[in-house]
């Protein structure tokens, strides 16, 4: 999978609050589909559709264990997304640092907060 399409799939999957909640639960450890569905006021098939999106984005892995399907979080896509975001965080921090230097050179006060 190309990095662009991988990031697209990751961010698309993360756009939904139910899927983010599922990932947050899986960050604590493996869970069955039933355990993942329990806190949501949606049908089991709807939860299953969310899991399919997460699986297609490689954010989770599902394994059959007897009659149960166990889900676990996979970290690679999240690490890739974090690295991509970090690049832009560093860029913007650099931009803000240059702006602060510019303001210092011009004698403009910045980063002052009033106590009003």
PDB file of N, CA and C in Angstrom:
ATOM      1  N   UNK A   1       0.851  -1.178   0.000  1.00  0.00           N
ATOM      2  CA  UNK A   1       0.000   0.000   0.000  1.00  0.00           C
ATOM      3  C   UNK A   1       0.898   1.243   0.000  1.00  0.00           C
ATOM      4  N   UNK A   2       0.593   2.171  -0.865  1.00  0.00           N
ATOM      5  CA  UNK A   2       1.368   3.406  -0.905  1.00  0.00           C
ATOM      6  C   UNK A   2       1.096   4.213   0.344  1.00  0.00           C
ATOM      7  N   UNK A   3       2.084   5.040   0.726  1.00  0.00           N
ATOM      8  CA  UNK A   3       1.946   5.826   1.947  1.00  0.00           C
ATOM      9  C   UNK A   3       0.742   6.759   1.881  1.00  0.00           C
ATOM     10  N   UNK A   4       0.466   7.345   0.728  1.00  0.00           N
ATOM     11  CA  UNK A   4      -0.655   8.261   0.592  1.00  0.00           C
ATOM     12  C   UNK A   4      -1.981   7.542   0.802  1.00  0.00           C
ATOM     13  N   UNK A   5      -2.179   6.412   0.148  1.00  0.00           N
ATOM     14  CA  UNK A   5      -3.441   5.696   0.306  1.00  0.00           C
ATOM     15  C   UNK A   5      -3.561   5.107   1.705  1.00  0.00           C
ATOM     16  N   UNK A   6      -2.436   4.743   2.304  1.00  0.00           N
ATOM     17  CA  UNK A   6      -2.441   4.242   3.671  1.00  0.00           C
ATOM     18  C   UNK A   6      -2.877   5.342   4.640  1.00  0.00           C
ATOM     19  N   UNK A   7      -2.325   6.538   4.472  1.00  0.00           N
ATOM     20  CA  UNK A   7      -2.731   7.669   5.323  1.00  0.00           C
ATOM     21  C   UNK A   7      -4.188   8.027   5.084  1.00  0.00           C
ATOM     22  N   UNK A   8      -4.622   7.996   3.834  1.00  0.00           N
ATOM     23  CA  UNK A   8      -6.027   8.278   3.528  1.00  0.00           C
ATOM     24  C   UNK A   8      -6.937   7.314   4.270  1.00  0.00           C
ATOM     25  N   UNK A   9      -6.616   6.037   4.229  1.00  0.00           N
ATOM     26  CA  UNK A   9      -7.434   5.030   4.902  1.00  0.00           C
ATOM     27  C   UNK A   9      -7.409   5.226   6.416  1.00  0.00           C
ATOM     28  N   UNK A  10      -6.237   5.549   6.958  1.00  0.00           N
ATOM     29  CA  UNK A  10      -6.122   5.758   8.401  1.00  0.00           C
ATOM     30  C   UNK A  10      -6.959   6.940   8.846  1.00  0.00           C
ATOM     31  N   UNK A  11      -6.780   8.088   8.193  1.00  0.00           N
ATOM     32  CA  UNK A  11      -7.521   9.285   8.607  1.00  0.00           C
ATOM     33  C   UNK A  11      -9.020   9.132   8.345  1.00  0.00           C
ATOM     34  N   UNK A  12      -9.393   8.443   7.293  1.00  0.00           N
ATOM     35  CA  UNK A  12     -10.804   8.202   7.019  1.00  0.00           C
ATOM     36  C   UNK A  12     -11.411   7.346   8.127  1.00  0.00           C
ATOM     37  N   UNK A  13     -10.705   6.310   8.531  1.00  0.00           N
ATOM     38  CA  UNK A  13     -11.189   5.445   9.612  1.00  0.00           C
ATOM     39  C   UNK A  13     -11.262   6.203  10.932  1.00  0.00           C
ATOM     40  N   UNK A  14     -10.295   7.064  11.185  1.00  0.00           N
ATOM     41  CA  UNK A  14     -10.257   7.821  12.436  1.00  0.00           C
ATOM     42  C   UNK A  14     -11.290   8.943  12.489  1.00  0.00           C
ATOM     43  N   UNK A  15     -11.903   9.259  11.363  1.00  0.00           N
ATOM     44  CA  UNK A  15     -12.865  10.359  11.310  1.00  0.00           C
ATOM     45  C   UNK A  15     -14.152  10.055  12.074  1.00  0.00           C
ATOM     46  N   UNK A  16     -14.412   8.802  12.338  1.00  0.00           N
ATOM     47  CA  UNK A  16     -15.660   8.429  13.004  1.00  0.00           C
ATOM     48  C   UNK A  16     -15.437   8.227  14.509  1.00  0.00           C
ATOM     49  N   UNK A  17     -16.256   8.861  15.349  1.00  0.00           N
ATOM     50  CA  UNK A  17     -16.064   8.745  16.801  1.00  0.00           C
ATOM     51  C   UNK A  17     -16.260   7.324  17.342  1.00  0.00           C
ATOM     52  N   UNK A  18     -17.134   6.548  16.732  1.00  0.00           N
ATOM     53  CA  UNK A  18     -17.324   5.164  17.178  1.00  0.00           C
ATOM     54  C   UNK A  18     -16.056   4.362  16.930  1.00  0.00           C
ATOM     55  N   UNK A  19     -15.450   4.550  15.769  1.00  0.00           N
ATOM     56  CA  UNK A  19     -14.212   3.820  15.467  1.00  0.00           C
ATOM     57  C   UNK A  19     -13.074   4.264  16.378  1.00  0.00           C
ATOM     58  N   UNK A  20     -13.020   5.568  16.691  1.00  0.00           N
ATOM     59  CA  UNK A  20     -11.982   6.026  17.630  1.00  0.00           C
ATOM     60  C   UNK A  20     -12.199   5.412  19.009  1.00  0.00           C
ATOM     61  N   UNK A  21     -13.450   5.286  19.431  1.00  0.00           N
ATOM     62  CA  UNK A  21     -13.748   4.671  20.726  1.00  0.00           C
ATOM     63  C   UNK A  21     -13.360   3.192  20.725  1.00  0.00           C
ATOM     64  N   UNK A  22     -13.593   2.521  19.619  1.00  0.00           N
ATOM     65  CA  UNK A  22     -13.188   1.115  19.511  1.00  0.00           C
ATOM     66  C   UNK A  22     -11.672   1.007  19.623  1.00  0.00           C
ATOM     67  N   UNK A  23     -10.952   1.874  18.946  1.00  0.00           N
ATOM     68  CA  UNK A  23      -9.484   1.846  19.029  1.00  0.00           C
ATOM     69  C   UNK A  23      -9.015   2.143  20.447  1.00  0.00           C
ATOM     70  N   UNK A  24      -9.670   3.088  21.116  1.00  0.00           N
ATOM     71  CA  UNK A  24      -9.301   3.416  22.502  1.00  0.00           C
ATOM     72  C   UNK A  24      -9.492   2.187  23.392  1.00  0.00           C
ATOM     73  N   UNK A  25     -10.580   1.457  23.176  1.00  0.00           N
ATOM     74  CA  UNK A  25     -10.805   0.233  23.965  1.00  0.00           C
ATOM     75  C   UNK A  25      -9.733  -0.800  23.657  1.00  0.00           C
ATOM     76  N   UNK A  26      -9.386  -0.964  22.379  1.00  0.00           N
ATOM     77  CA  UNK A  26      -8.374  -1.962  22.008  1.00  0.00           C
ATOM     78  C   UNK A  26      -6.976  -1.576  22.475  1.00  0.00           C
ATOM     79  N   UNK A  27      -6.759  -0.315  22.751  1.00  0.00           N
ATOM     80  CA  UNK A  27      -5.461   0.115  23.289  1.00  0.00           C
ATOM     81  C   UNK A  27      -5.231  -0.493  24.676  1.00  0.00           C
ATOM     82  N   UNK A  28      -6.297  -0.894  25.344  1.00  0.00           N
ATOM     83  CA  UNK A  28      -6.183  -1.534  26.667  1.00  0.00           C
ATOM     84  C   UNK A  28      -5.979  -3.036  26.554  1.00  0.00           C
ATOM     85  N   UNK A  29      -6.168  -3.596  25.349  1.00  0.00           N
ATOM     86  CA  UNK A  29      -5.971  -5.031  25.160  1.00  0.00           C
ATOM     87  C   UNK A  29      -6.988  -5.616  24.202  1.00  0.00           C
ATOM     88  N   UNK A  30      -6.749  -6.856  23.816  1.00  0.00           N
ATOM     89  CA  UNK A  30      -7.638  -7.558  22.881  1.00  0.00           C
ATOM     90  C   UNK A  30      -9.046  -7.626  23.432  1.00  0.00           C
ATOM     91  N   UNK A  31     -10.014  -7.731  22.509  1.00  0.00           N
ATOM     92  CA  UNK A  31     -11.414  -7.859  22.907  1.00  0.00           C
ATOM     93  C   UNK A  31     -12.177  -8.599  21.818  1.00  0.00           C
ATOM     94  N   UNK A  32     -13.252  -9.229  22.229  1.00  0.00           N
ATOM     95  CA  UNK A  32     -14.131  -9.885  21.256  1.00  0.00           C
ATOM     96  C   UNK A  32     -15.031  -8.823  20.629  1.00  0.00           C
ATOM     97  N   UNK A  33     -15.658  -9.181  19.523  1.00  0.00           N
ATOM     98  CA  UNK A  33     -16.584  -8.270  18.858  1.00  0.00           C
ATOM     99  C   UNK A  33     -17.719  -7.903  19.816  1.00  0.00           C
ATOM    100  N   UNK A  34     -18.226  -8.869  20.550  1.00  0.00           N
ATOM    101  CA  UNK A  34     -19.293  -8.611  21.520  1.00  0.00           C
ATOM    102  C   UNK A  34     -18.873  -7.635  22.603  1.00  0.00           C
ATOM    103  N   UNK A  35     -17.642  -7.793  23.108  1.00  0.00           N
ATOM    104  CA  UNK A  35     -17.128  -6.870  24.128  1.00  0.00           C
ATOM    105  C   UNK A  35     -16.990  -5.455  23.562  1.00  0.00           C
ATOM    106  N   UNK A  36     -16.568  -5.369  22.319  1.00  0.00           N
ATOM    107  CA  UNK A  36     -16.411  -4.051  21.690  1.00  0.00           C
ATOM    108  C   UNK A  36     -17.768  -3.395  21.450  1.00  0.00           C
ATOM    109  N   UNK A  37     -18.776  -4.206  21.154  1.00  0.00           N
ATOM    110  CA  UNK A  37     -20.108  -3.679  20.839  1.00  0.00           C
ATOM    111  C   UNK A  37     -20.856  -3.211  22.085  1.00  0.00           C
ATOM    112  N   UNK A  38     -20.545  -3.786  23.234  1.00  0.00           N
ATOM    113  CA  UNK A  38     -21.313  -3.569  24.463  1.00  0.00           C
ATOM    114  C   UNK A  38     -21.585  -2.094  24.798  1.00  0.00           C
ATOM    115  N   UNK A  39     -20.597  -1.185  24.746  1.00  0.00           N
ATOM    116  CA  UNK A  39     -20.888   0.199  25.175  1.00  0.00           C
ATOM    117  C   UNK A  39     -21.666   1.043  24.165  1.00  0.00           C
ATOM    118  N   UNK A  40     -21.935   0.515  22.994  1.00  0.00           N
ATOM    119  CA  UNK A  40     -22.571   1.313  21.945  1.00  0.00           C
ATOM    120  C   UNK A  40     -24.052   0.988  21.807  1.00  0.00           C
ATOM    121  N   UNK A  41     -24.839   2.001  21.546  1.00  0.00           N
ATOM    122  CA  UNK A  41     -26.280   1.830  21.329  1.00  0.00           C
ATOM    123  C   UNK A  41     -26.552   1.626  19.843  1.00  0.00           C
ATOM    124  N   UNK A  42     -25.761   0.743  19.234  1.00  0.00           N
ATOM    125  CA  UNK A  42     -25.940   0.414  17.820  1.00  0.00           C
ATOM    126  C   UNK A  42     -25.948  -1.099  17.693  1.00  0.00           C
ATOM    127  N   UNK A  43     -26.432  -1.588  16.575  1.00  0.00           N
ATOM    128  CA  UNK A  43     -26.552  -3.037  16.371  1.00  0.00           C
ATOM    129  C   UNK A  43     -25.182  -3.689  16.203  1.00  0.00           C
ATOM    130  N   UNK A  44     -25.151  -4.977  16.444  1.00  0.00           N
ATOM    131  CA  UNK A  44     -23.922  -5.748  16.235  1.00  0.00           C
ATOM    132  C   UNK A  44     -23.459  -5.676  14.776  1.00  0.00           C
ATOM    133  N   UNK A  45     -24.376  -5.757  13.778  1.00  0.00           N
ATOM    134  CA  UNK A  45     -23.925  -5.591  12.391  1.00  0.00           C
ATOM    135  C   UNK A  45     -23.296  -4.214  12.127  1.00  0.00           C
ATOM    136  N   UNK A  46     -23.800  -3.165  12.787  1.00  0.00           N
ATOM    137  CA  UNK A  46     -23.206  -1.834  12.610  1.00  0.00           C
ATOM    138  C   UNK A  46     -21.798  -1.796  13.191  1.00  0.00           C
ATOM    139  N   UNK A  47     -21.612  -2.412  14.350  1.00  0.00           N
ATOM    140  CA  UNK A  47     -20.270  -2.496  14.941  1.00  0.00           C
ATOM    141  C   UNK A  47     -19.366  -3.285  14.011  1.00  0.00           C
ATOM    142  N   UNK A  48     -19.890  -4.354  13.451  1.00  0.00           N
ATOM    143  CA  UNK A  48     -19.114  -5.174  12.519  1.00  0.00           C
ATOM    144  C   UNK A  48     -18.660  -4.359  11.302  1.00  0.00           C
ATOM    145  N   UNK A  49     -19.527  -3.495  10.810  1.00  0.00           N
ATOM    146  CA  UNK A  49     -19.138  -2.632   9.673  1.00  0.00           C
ATOM    147  C   UNK A  49     -18.013  -1.678  10.075  1.00  0.00           C
ATOM    148  N   UNK A  50     -18.083  -1.136  11.288  1.00  0.00           N
ATOM    149  CA  UNK A  50     -16.999  -0.273  11.772  1.00  0.00           C
ATOM    150  C   UNK A  50     -15.686  -1.068  11.856  1.00  0.00           C
ATOM    151  N   UNK A  51     -15.785  -2.292  12.338  1.00  0.00           N
ATOM    152  CA  UNK A  51     -14.583  -3.125  12.451  1.00  0.00           C
ATOM    153  C   UNK A  51     -13.996  -3.433  11.076  1.00  0.00           C
ATOM    154  N   UNK A  52     -14.845  -3.621  10.090  1.00  0.00           N
ATOM    155  CA  UNK A  52     -14.353  -3.872   8.725  1.00  0.00           C
ATOM    156  C   UNK A  52     -13.576  -2.666   8.195  1.00  0.00           C
ATOM    157  N   UNK A  53     -14.062  -1.453   8.491  1.00  0.00           N
ATOM    158  CA  UNK A  53     -13.350  -0.243   8.069  1.00  0.00           C
ATOM    159  C   UNK A  53     -11.990  -0.178   8.764  1.00  0.00           C
ATOM    160  N   UNK A  54     -11.972  -0.437  10.070  1.00  0.00           N
ATOM    161  CA  UNK A  54     -10.710  -0.414  10.816  1.00  0.00           C
ATOM    162  C   UNK A  54      -9.746  -1.485  10.317  1.00  0.00           C
ATOM    163  N   UNK A  55     -10.278  -2.645   9.983  1.00  0.00           N
ATOM    164  CA  UNK A  55      -9.443  -3.730   9.468  1.00  0.00           C
ATOM    165  C   UNK A  55      -8.900  -3.393   8.080  1.00  0.00           C
ATOM    166  N   UNK A  56      -9.731  -2.799   7.236  1.00  0.00           N
ATOM    167  CA  UNK A  56      -9.285  -2.411   5.890  1.00  0.00           C
ATOM    168  C   UNK A  56      -8.183  -1.355   5.956  1.00  0.00           C
ATOM    169  N   UNK A  57      -8.221  -0.518   6.984  1.00  0.00           N
ATOM    170  CA  UNK A  57      -7.184   0.504   7.177  1.00  0.00           C
ATOM    171  C   UNK A  57      -5.978  -0.055   7.930  1.00  0.00           C
ATOM    172  N   UNK A  58      -6.013  -1.343   8.236  1.00  0.00           N
ATOM    173  CA  UNK A  58      -4.939  -2.038   8.950  1.00  0.00           C
ATOM    174  C   UNK A  58      -4.734  -1.487  10.357  1.00  0.00           C
ATOM    175  N   UNK A  59      -5.780  -0.898  10.932  1.00  0.00           N
ATOM    176  CA  UNK A  59      -5.693  -0.375  12.296  1.00  0.00           C
ATOM    177  C   UNK A  59      -5.977  -1.459  13.332  1.00  0.00           C
ATOM    178  N   UNK A  60      -6.668  -2.512  12.909  1.00  0.00           N
ATOM    179  CA  UNK A  60      -6.910  -3.649  13.791  1.00  0.00           C
ATOM    180  C   UNK A  60      -6.662  -4.936  13.028  1.00  0.00           C
ATOM    181  N   UNK A  61      -6.453  -5.984  13.784  1.00  0.00           N
ATOM    182  CA  UNK A  61      -6.374  -7.333  13.216  1.00  0.00           C
ATOM    183  C   UNK A  61      -7.441  -8.155  13.920  1.00  0.00           C
ATOM    184  N   UNK A  62      -8.144  -8.976  13.145  1.00  0.00           N
ATOM    185  CA  UNK A  62      -9.170  -9.851  13.724  1.00  0.00           C
ATOM    186  C   UNK A  62      -8.745 -11.296  13.515  1.00  0.00           C
ATOM    187  N   UNK A  63      -8.866 -12.076  14.562  1.00  0.00           N
ATOM    188  CA  UNK A  63      -8.495 -13.488  14.499  1.00  0.00           C
ATOM    189  C   UNK A  63      -9.631 -14.308  15.069  1.00  0.00           C
ATOM    190  N   UNK A  64      -9.896 -15.425  14.430  1.00  0.00           N
ATOM    191  CA  UNK A  64     -10.944 -16.308  14.910  1.00  0.00           C
ATOM    192  C   UNK A  64     -10.354 -17.211  15.983  1.00  0.00           C
ATOM    193  N   UNK A  65     -11.045 -17.254  17.110  1.00  0.00           N
ATOM    194  CA  UNK A  65     -10.609 -18.067  18.243  1.00  0.00           C
ATOM    195  C   UNK A  65     -11.812 -18.925  18.652  1.00  0.00           C
ATOM    196  N   UNK A  66     -11.876 -20.125  18.135  1.00  0.00           N
ATOM    197  CA  UNK A  66     -13.068 -20.942  18.354  1.00  0.00           C
ATOM    198  C   UNK A  66     -14.237 -20.297  17.623  1.00  0.00           C
ATOM    199  N   UNK A  67     -15.324 -20.069  18.342  1.00  0.00           N
ATOM    200  CA  UNK A  67     -16.476 -19.408  17.715  1.00  0.00           C
ATOM    201  C   UNK A  67     -16.413 -17.892  17.862  1.00  0.00           C
ATOM    202  N   UNK A  68     -15.409 -17.377  18.524  1.00  0.00           N
ATOM    203  CA  UNK A  68     -15.280 -15.938  18.776  1.00  0.00           C
ATOM    204  C   UNK A  68     -14.281 -15.297  17.837  1.00  0.00           C
ATOM    205  N   UNK A  69     -14.520 -14.046  17.559  1.00  0.00           N
ATOM    206  CA  UNK A  69     -13.546 -13.253  16.806  1.00  0.00           C
ATOM    207  C   UNK A  69     -12.902 -12.285  17.783  1.00  0.00           C
ATOM    208  N   UNK A  70     -11.597 -12.371  17.929  1.00  0.00           N
ATOM    209  CA  UNK A  70     -10.839 -11.476  18.808  1.00  0.00           C
ATOM    210  C   UNK A  70     -10.242 -10.371  17.943  1.00  0.00           C
ATOM    211  N   UNK A  71     -10.254  -9.175  18.465  1.00  0.00           N
ATOM    212  CA  UNK A  71      -9.688  -8.023  17.764  1.00  0.00           C
ATOM    213  C   UNK A  71      -8.534  -7.467  18.577  1.00  0.00           C
ATOM    214  N   UNK A  72      -7.532  -6.992  17.874  1.00  0.00           N
ATOM    215  CA  UNK A  72      -6.405  -6.333  18.549  1.00  0.00           C
ATOM    216  C   UNK A  72      -5.959  -5.141  17.719  1.00  0.00           C
ATOM    217  N   UNK A  73      -5.413  -4.180  18.396  1.00  0.00           N
ATOM    218  CA  UNK A  73      -4.910  -2.957  17.768  1.00  0.00           C
ATOM    219  C   UNK A  73      -3.601  -3.254  17.055  1.00  0.00           C
ATOM    220  N   UNK A  74      -3.414  -2.687  15.875  1.00  0.00           N
ATOM    221  CA  UNK A  74      -2.118  -2.751  15.200  1.00  0.00           C
ATOM    222  C   UNK A  74      -1.571  -1.335  15.141  1.00  0.00           C
ATOM    223  N   UNK A  75      -0.292  -1.188  15.357  1.00  0.00           N
ATOM    224  CA  UNK A  75       0.277   0.143  15.567  1.00  0.00           C
ATOM    225  C   UNK A  75       0.862   0.805  14.330  1.00  0.00           C
ATOM    226  N   UNK A  76       1.198   0.045  13.316  1.00  0.00           N
ATOM    227  CA  UNK A  76       1.925   0.610  12.183  1.00  0.00           C
ATOM    228  C   UNK A  76       1.222   1.814  11.538  1.00  0.00           C
ATOM    229  N   UNK A  77      -0.077   1.716  11.219  1.00  0.00           N
ATOM    230  CA  UNK A  77      -0.725   2.868  10.584  1.00  0.00           C
ATOM    231  C   UNK A  77      -0.770   4.102  11.495  1.00  0.00           C
ATOM    232  N   UNK A  78      -0.931   3.881  12.797  1.00  0.00           N
ATOM    233  CA  UNK A  78      -0.958   5.014  13.726  1.00  0.00           C
ATOM    234  C   UNK A  78       0.418   5.664  13.838  1.00  0.00           C
ATOM    235  N   UNK A  79       1.447   4.867  13.808  1.00  0.00           N
ATOM    236  CA  UNK A  79       2.814   5.404  13.837  1.00  0.00           C
ATOM    237  C   UNK A  79       3.071   6.217  12.574  1.00  0.00           C
ATOM    238  N   UNK A  80       2.641   5.684  11.440  1.00  0.00           N
ATOM    239  CA  UNK A  80       2.803   6.397  10.165  1.00  0.00           C
ATOM    240  C   UNK A  80       2.062   7.741  10.188  1.00  0.00           C
ATOM    241  N   UNK A  81       0.828   7.746  10.704  1.00  0.00           N
ATOM    242  CA  UNK A  81       0.048   8.986  10.792  1.00  0.00           C
ATOM    243  C   UNK A  81       0.702   9.962  11.766  1.00  0.00           C
ATOM    244  N   UNK A  82       1.186   9.452  12.871  1.00  0.00           N
ATOM    245  CA  UNK A  82       1.861  10.294  13.858  1.00  0.00           C
ATOM    246  C   UNK A  82       3.124  10.933  13.268  1.00  0.00           C
ATOM    247  N   UNK A  83       3.883  10.153  12.527  1.00  0.00           N
ATOM    248  CA  UNK A  83       5.093  10.683  11.878  1.00  0.00           C
ATOM    249  C   UNK A  83       4.729  11.780  10.876  1.00  0.00           C
ATOM    250  N   UNK A  84       3.666  11.571  10.125  1.00  0.00           N
ATOM    251  CA  UNK A  84       3.227  12.559   9.138  1.00  0.00           C
ATOM    252  C   UNK A  84       2.809  13.851   9.842  1.00  0.00           C
ATOM    253  N   UNK A  85       2.045  13.727  10.915  1.00  0.00           N
ATOM    254  CA  UNK A  85       1.609  14.897  11.684  1.00  0.00           C
ATOM    255  C   UNK A  85       2.805  15.598  12.313  1.00  0.00           C
ATOM    256  N   UNK A  86       3.748  14.836  12.818  1.00  0.00           N
ATOM    257  CA  UNK A  86       4.936  15.397  13.462  1.00  0.00           C
ATOM    258  C   UNK A  86       5.728  16.281  12.501  1.00  0.00           C
ATOM    259  N   UNK A  87       5.799  15.887  11.243  1.00  0.00           N
ATOM    260  CA  UNK A  87       6.491  16.695  10.241  1.00  0.00           C
ATOM    261  C   UNK A  87       5.887  18.090  10.167  1.00  0.00           C
ATOM    262  N   UNK A  88       4.567  18.157  10.170  1.00  0.00           N
ATOM    263  CA  UNK A  88       3.891  19.456  10.085  1.00  0.00           C
ATOM    264  C   UNK A  88       3.923  20.210  11.406  1.00  0.00           C
ATOM    265  N   UNK A  89       3.946  19.501  12.515  1.00  0.00           N
ATOM    266  CA  UNK A  89       4.093  20.169  13.809  1.00  0.00           C
ATOM    267  C   UNK A  89       5.438  20.886  13.876  1.00  0.00           C
ATOM    268  N   UNK A  90       6.488  20.186  13.449  1.00  0.00           N
ATOM    269  CA  UNK A  90       7.820  20.814  13.449  1.00  0.00           C
ATOM    270  C   UNK A  90       7.850  22.013  12.505  1.00  0.00           C
ATOM    271  N   UNK A  91       7.215  21.881  11.345  1.00  0.00           N
ATOM    272  CA  UNK A  91       7.158  22.988  10.388  1.00  0.00           C
ATOM    273  C   UNK A  91       6.508  24.208  11.027  1.00  0.00           C
ATOM    274  N   UNK A  92       5.328  24.018  11.628  1.00  0.00           N
ATOM    275  CA  UNK A  92       4.608  25.155  12.208  1.00  0.00           C
ATOM    276  C   UNK A  92       5.318  25.716  13.425  1.00  0.00           C
ATOM    277  N   UNK A  93       5.948  24.882  14.216  1.00  0.00           N
ATOM    278  CA  UNK A  93       6.732  25.414  15.335  1.00  0.00           C
ATOM    279  C   UNK A  93       7.854  26.300  14.816  1.00  0.00           C
ATOM    280  N   UNK A  94       8.501  25.866  13.737  1.00  0.00           N
ATOM    281  CA  UNK A  94       9.555  26.678  13.124  1.00  0.00           C
ATOM    282  C   UNK A  94       9.007  28.000  12.616  1.00  0.00           C
ATOM    283  N   UNK A  95       7.828  27.963  12.015  1.00  0.00           N
ATOM    284  CA  UNK A  95       7.205  29.190  11.527  1.00  0.00           C
ATOM    285  C   UNK A  95       6.913  30.145  12.686  1.00  0.00           C
ATOM    286  N   UNK A  96       6.379  29.625  13.774  1.00  0.00           N
ATOM    287  CA  UNK A  96       6.068  30.463  14.929  1.00  0.00           C
ATOM    288  C   UNK A  96       7.343  31.009  15.579  1.00  0.00           C
ATOM    289  N   UNK A  97       8.402  30.185  15.609  1.00  0.00           N
ATOM    290  CA  UNK A  97       9.679  30.668  16.147  1.00  0.00           C
ATOM    291  C   UNK A  97      10.210  31.817  15.299  1.00  0.00           C
ATOM    292  N   UNK A  98      10.111  31.689  13.967  1.00  0.00           N
ATOM    293  CA  UNK A  98      10.575  32.768  13.088  1.00  0.00           C
ATOM    294  C   UNK A  98       9.725  34.025  13.263  1.00  0.00           C
ATOM    295  N   UNK A  99       8.434  33.860  13.450  1.00  0.00           N
ATOM    296  CA  UNK A  99       7.561  35.000  13.696  1.00  0.00           C
ATOM    297  C   UNK A  99       7.942  35.686  15.007  1.00  0.00           C
ATOM    298  N   UNK A 100       8.213  34.921  16.048  1.00  0.00           N
ATOM    299  CA  UNK A 100       8.622  35.497  17.334  1.00  0.00           C
ATOM    300  C   UNK A 100       9.932  36.262  17.182  1.00  0.00           C
ATOM    301  N   UNK A 101      10.876  35.699  16.428  1.00  0.00           N
ATOM    302  CA  UNK A 101      12.149  36.398  16.195  1.00  0.00           C
ATOM    303  C   UNK A 101      11.910  37.701  15.438  1.00  0.00           C
ATOM    304  N   UNK A 102      11.048  37.652  14.436  1.00  0.00           N
ATOM    305  CA  UNK A 102      10.719  38.844  13.662  1.00  0.00           C
ATOM    306  C   UNK A 102      10.109  39.910  14.566  1.00  0.00           C
ATOM    307  N   UNK A 103       9.167  39.518  15.396  1.00  0.00           N
ATOM    308  CA  UNK A 103       8.531  40.473  16.308  1.00  0.00           C
ATOM    309  C   UNK A 103       9.539  41.034  17.304  1.00  0.00           C
ATOM    310  N   UNK A 104      10.457  40.195  17.788  1.00  0.00           N
ATOM    311  CA  UNK A 104      11.505  40.674  18.693  1.00  0.00           C
ATOM    312  C   UNK A 104      12.383  41.712  17.996  1.00  0.00           C
ATOM    313  N   UNK A 105      12.736  41.431  16.732  1.00  0.00           N
ATOM    314  CA  UNK A 105      13.572  42.361  15.966  1.00  0.00           C
ATOM    315  C   UNK A 105      12.870  43.690  15.743  1.00  0.00           C
ATOM    316  N   UNK A 106      11.555  43.660  15.582  1.00  0.00           N
ATOM    317  CA  UNK A 106      10.781  44.877  15.339  1.00  0.00           C
ATOM    318  C   UNK A 106      10.405  45.583  16.645  1.00  0.00           C
ATOM    319  N   UNK A 107      10.716  44.967  17.755  1.00  0.00           N
ATOM    320  CA  UNK A 107      10.404  45.581  19.037  1.00  0.00           C
ATOM    321  C   UNK A 107       8.951  45.468  19.440  1.00  0.00           C
ATOM    322  N   UNK A 108       8.210  44.568  18.789  1.00  0.00           N
ATOM    323  CA  UNK A 108       6.808  44.372  19.152  1.00  0.00           C
ATOM    324  C   UNK A 108       6.720  43.374  20.301  1.00  0.00           C
ATOM    325  N   UNK A 109       5.924  43.704  21.295  1.00  0.00           N
ATOM    326  CA  UNK A 109       5.737  42.721  22.359  1.00  0.00           C
ATOM    327  C   UNK A 109       4.863  41.569  21.847  1.00  0.00           C
ATOM    328  N   UNK A 110       5.183  40.386  22.261  1.00  0.00           N
ATOM    329  CA  UNK A 110       4.370  39.231  21.906  1.00  0.00           C
ATOM    330  C   UNK A 110       4.337  38.300  23.113  1.00  0.00           C
ATOM    331  N   UNK A 111       3.390  37.407  23.099  1.00  0.00           N
ATOM    332  CA  UNK A 111       3.234  36.430  24.166  1.00  0.00           C
ATOM    333  C   UNK A 111       3.028  37.100  25.525  1.00  0.00           C
ATOM    334  N   UNK A 112       2.423  38.282  25.524  1.00  0.00           N
ATOM    335  CA  UNK A 112       2.088  38.918  26.775  1.00  0.00           C
ATOM    336  C   UNK A 112       0.608  38.734  27.019  1.00  0.00           C
ATOM    337  N   UNK A 113       0.290  38.326  28.220  1.00  0.00           N
ATOM    338  CA  UNK A 113      -1.112  38.111  28.567  1.00  0.00           C
ATOM    339  C   UNK A 113      -1.513  39.153  29.602  1.00  0.00           C
ATOM    340  N   UNK A 114      -2.694  39.704  29.394  1.00  0.00           N
ATOM    341  CA  UNK A 114      -3.183  40.675  30.377  1.00  0.00           C
ATOM    342  C   UNK A 114      -3.839  39.923  31.515  1.00  0.00           C
ATOM    343  N   UNK A 115      -3.881  40.531  32.665  1.00  0.00           N
ATOM    344  CA  UNK A 115      -4.504  39.926  33.832  1.00  0.00           C
ATOM    345  C   UNK A 115      -5.938  40.374  33.994  1.00  0.00           C
ATOM    346  N   UNK A 116      -6.557  40.874  32.908  1.00  0.00           N
ATOM    347  CA  UNK A 116      -7.949  41.365  32.980  1.00  0.00           C
ATOM    348  C   UNK A 116      -8.908  40.266  33.262  1.00  0.00           C
TER     349      UNK A 116
END
